[in-house]
Amino acid sequence: MEPYDEALNFTVWGMDNERLAYDDAVSEKRRIIPQQVRDLIEGILNHERSTEFQVLERDAQDDLSMDFERTHTCKPFRSCYLE
């Protein structure tokens, strides 16, 4: 029978605890990171959609104001030549 090696026993248990801690950290990251990526992508898409809506609204307002200016400030074509 071999003699009991206390130093070896502490080393083995220490390595086992490190492995368990590493496995725990990896499993935690596997749970959290996909959720963070999903939330980030949703945030980007929501921001993009809201920005597109704001641009479309602004363009529609610009078109209306241009139409209003064209119809109320421009002189008829012939009046330019008659003056």
C-alpha atoms as a PDB file:
ATOM      1  CA  MET A   1       0.000   0.000   0.000  1.00  0.00           C
ATOM      2  CA  GLU A   2       1.236   3.451  -0.889  1.00  0.00           C
ATOM      3  CA  PRO A   3       1.683   6.073   1.765  1.00  0.00           C
ATOM      4  CA  TYR A   4      -0.886   8.895   1.902  1.00  0.00           C
ATOM      5  CA  ASP A   5       0.382  12.047   0.171  1.00  0.00           C
ATOM      6  CA  GLU A   6      -1.380  15.042   1.647  1.00  0.00           C
ATOM      7  CA  ALA A   7       0.192  17.559  -0.746  1.00  0.00           C
ATOM      8  CA  LEU A   8      -0.967  15.525  -3.742  1.00  0.00           C
ATOM      9  CA  ASN A   9      -4.464  15.310  -2.266  1.00  0.00           C
ATOM     10  CA  PHE A  10      -4.638  19.111  -1.862  1.00  0.00           C
ATOM     11  CA  THR A  11      -3.395  19.569  -5.438  1.00  0.00           C
ATOM     12  CA  VAL A  12      -5.996  17.193  -6.852  1.00  0.00           C
ATOM     13  CA  TRP A  13      -8.858  18.791  -4.922  1.00  0.00           C
ATOM     14  CA  GLY A  14      -7.615  22.270  -5.827  1.00  0.00           C
ATOM     15  CA  MET A  15      -7.596  21.370  -9.526  1.00  0.00           C
ATOM     16  CA  ASP A  16     -11.055  19.859  -9.189  1.00  0.00           C
ATOM     17  CA  ASN A  17     -12.359  23.085  -7.600  1.00  0.00           C
ATOM     18  CA  GLU A  18     -10.786  25.135 -10.413  1.00  0.00           C
ATOM     19  CA  ARG A  19     -12.464  22.894 -13.001  1.00  0.00           C
ATOM     20  CA  LEU A  20     -15.838  23.307 -11.299  1.00  0.00           C
ATOM     21  CA  ALA A  21     -15.416  27.085 -11.137  1.00  0.00           C
ATOM     22  CA  TYR A  22     -14.439  27.162 -14.830  1.00  0.00           C
ATOM     23  CA  ASP A  23     -17.432  25.013 -15.802  1.00  0.00           C
ATOM     24  CA  ASP A  24     -19.713  27.286 -13.776  1.00  0.00           C
ATOM     25  CA  ALA A  25     -18.300  30.418 -15.469  1.00  0.00           C
ATOM     26  CA  VAL A  26     -18.694  28.885 -18.939  1.00  0.00           C
ATOM     27  CA  SER A  27     -22.270  27.785 -18.280  1.00  0.00           C
ATOM     28  CA  GLU A  28     -23.146  31.242 -16.915  1.00  0.00           C
ATOM     29  CA  LYS A  29     -21.734  32.894 -20.045  1.00  0.00           C
ATOM     30  CA  ARG A  30     -23.632  30.464 -22.276  1.00  0.00           C
ATOM     31  CA  ARG A  31     -26.868  31.526 -20.577  1.00  0.00           C
ATOM     32  CA  ILE A  32     -26.265  35.275 -20.433  1.00  0.00           C
ATOM     33  CA  ILE A  33     -24.436  36.168 -23.664  1.00  0.00           C
ATOM     34  CA  PRO A  34     -27.134  34.945 -26.120  1.00  0.00           C
ATOM     35  CA  GLN A  35     -29.731  36.995 -24.208  1.00  0.00           C
ATOM     36  CA  GLN A  36     -27.477  40.055 -24.325  1.00  0.00           C
ATOM     37  CA  VAL A  37     -26.907  39.605 -28.062  1.00  0.00           C
ATOM     38  CA  ARG A  38     -30.653  39.208 -28.662  1.00  0.00           C
ATOM     39  CA  ASP A  39     -31.412  42.339 -26.617  1.00  0.00           C
ATOM     40  CA  LEU A  40     -28.711  44.294 -28.445  1.00  0.00           C
ATOM     41  CA  ILE A  41     -30.029  43.279 -31.880  1.00  0.00           C
ATOM     42  CA  GLU A  42     -33.615  44.119 -30.863  1.00  0.00           C
ATOM     43  CA  GLY A  43     -32.473  47.518 -29.615  1.00  0.00           C
ATOM     44  CA  ILE A  44     -30.628  48.242 -32.849  1.00  0.00           C
ATOM     45  CA  LEU A  45     -33.610  47.185 -34.976  1.00  0.00           C
ATOM     46  CA  ASN A  46     -36.050  49.238 -32.867  1.00  0.00           C
ATOM     47  CA  HIS A  47     -33.794  52.281 -33.158  1.00  0.00           C
ATOM     48  CA  GLU A  48     -33.494  51.756 -36.910  1.00  0.00           C
ATOM     49  CA  ARG A  49     -37.279  51.461 -37.300  1.00  0.00           C
ATOM     50  CA  SER A  50     -37.956  54.583 -35.242  1.00  0.00           C
ATOM     51  CA  THR A  51     -35.348  56.518 -37.220  1.00  0.00           C
ATOM     52  CA  GLU A  52     -36.877  55.398 -40.524  1.00  0.00           C
ATOM     53  CA  PHE A  53     -40.310  56.483 -39.295  1.00  0.00           C
ATOM     54  CA  GLN A  54     -38.954  59.894 -38.271  1.00  0.00           C
ATOM     55  CA  VAL A  55     -37.259  60.357 -41.652  1.00  0.00           C
ATOM     56  CA  LEU A  56     -40.441  59.372 -43.499  1.00  0.00           C
ATOM     57  CA  GLU A  57     -42.477  61.801 -41.385  1.00  0.00           C
ATOM     58  CA  ARG A  58     -39.974  64.611 -41.994  1.00  0.00           C
ATOM     59  CA  ASP A  59     -39.907  63.925 -45.743  1.00  0.00           C
ATOM     60  CA  ALA A  60     -43.696  63.930 -45.871  1.00  0.00           C
ATOM     61  CA  GLN A  61     -43.804  67.266 -44.042  1.00  0.00           C
ATOM     62  CA  ASP A  62     -41.128  68.695 -46.353  1.00  0.00           C
ATOM     63  CA  ASP A  63     -43.112  67.554 -49.397  1.00  0.00           C
ATOM     64  CA  LEU A  64     -46.253  69.203 -48.052  1.00  0.00           C
ATOM     65  CA  SER A  65     -44.454  72.443 -47.283  1.00  0.00           C
ATOM     66  CA  MET A  66     -42.851  72.447 -50.738  1.00  0.00           C
ATOM     67  CA  ASP A  67     -46.213  71.894 -52.377  1.00  0.00           C
ATOM     68  CA  PHE A  68     -47.692  74.707 -50.312  1.00  0.00           C
ATOM     69  CA  GLU A  69     -44.823  77.074 -51.206  1.00  0.00           C
ATOM     70  CA  ARG A  70     -45.035  76.168 -54.880  1.00  0.00           C
ATOM     71  CA  THR A  71     -48.732  76.815 -55.113  1.00  0.00           C
ATOM     72  CA  HIS A  72     -48.763  80.029 -53.074  1.00  0.00           C
ATOM     73  CA  THR A  73     -45.515  81.811 -53.909  1.00  0.00           C
ATOM     74  CA  CYS A  74     -44.827  80.961 -57.531  1.00  0.00           C
ATOM     75  CA  LYS A  75     -46.221  83.158 -60.248  1.00  0.00           C
ATOM     76  CA  PRO A  76     -47.870  81.643 -63.267  1.00  0.00           C
ATOM     77  CA  PHE A  77     -45.503  80.941 -66.150  1.00  0.00           C
ATOM     78  CA  ARG A  78     -46.852  83.674 -68.442  1.00  0.00           C
ATOM     79  CA  SER A  79     -46.765  86.395 -65.837  1.00  0.00           C
ATOM     80  CA  CYS A  80     -42.955  86.195 -65.739  1.00  0.00           C
ATOM     81  CA  TYR A  81     -42.803  87.134 -69.401  1.00  0.00           C
ATOM     82  CA  LEU A  82     -45.452  89.844 -69.242  1.00  0.00           C
ATOM     83  CA  GLU A  83     -43.618  91.969 -66.666  1.00  0.00           C
END
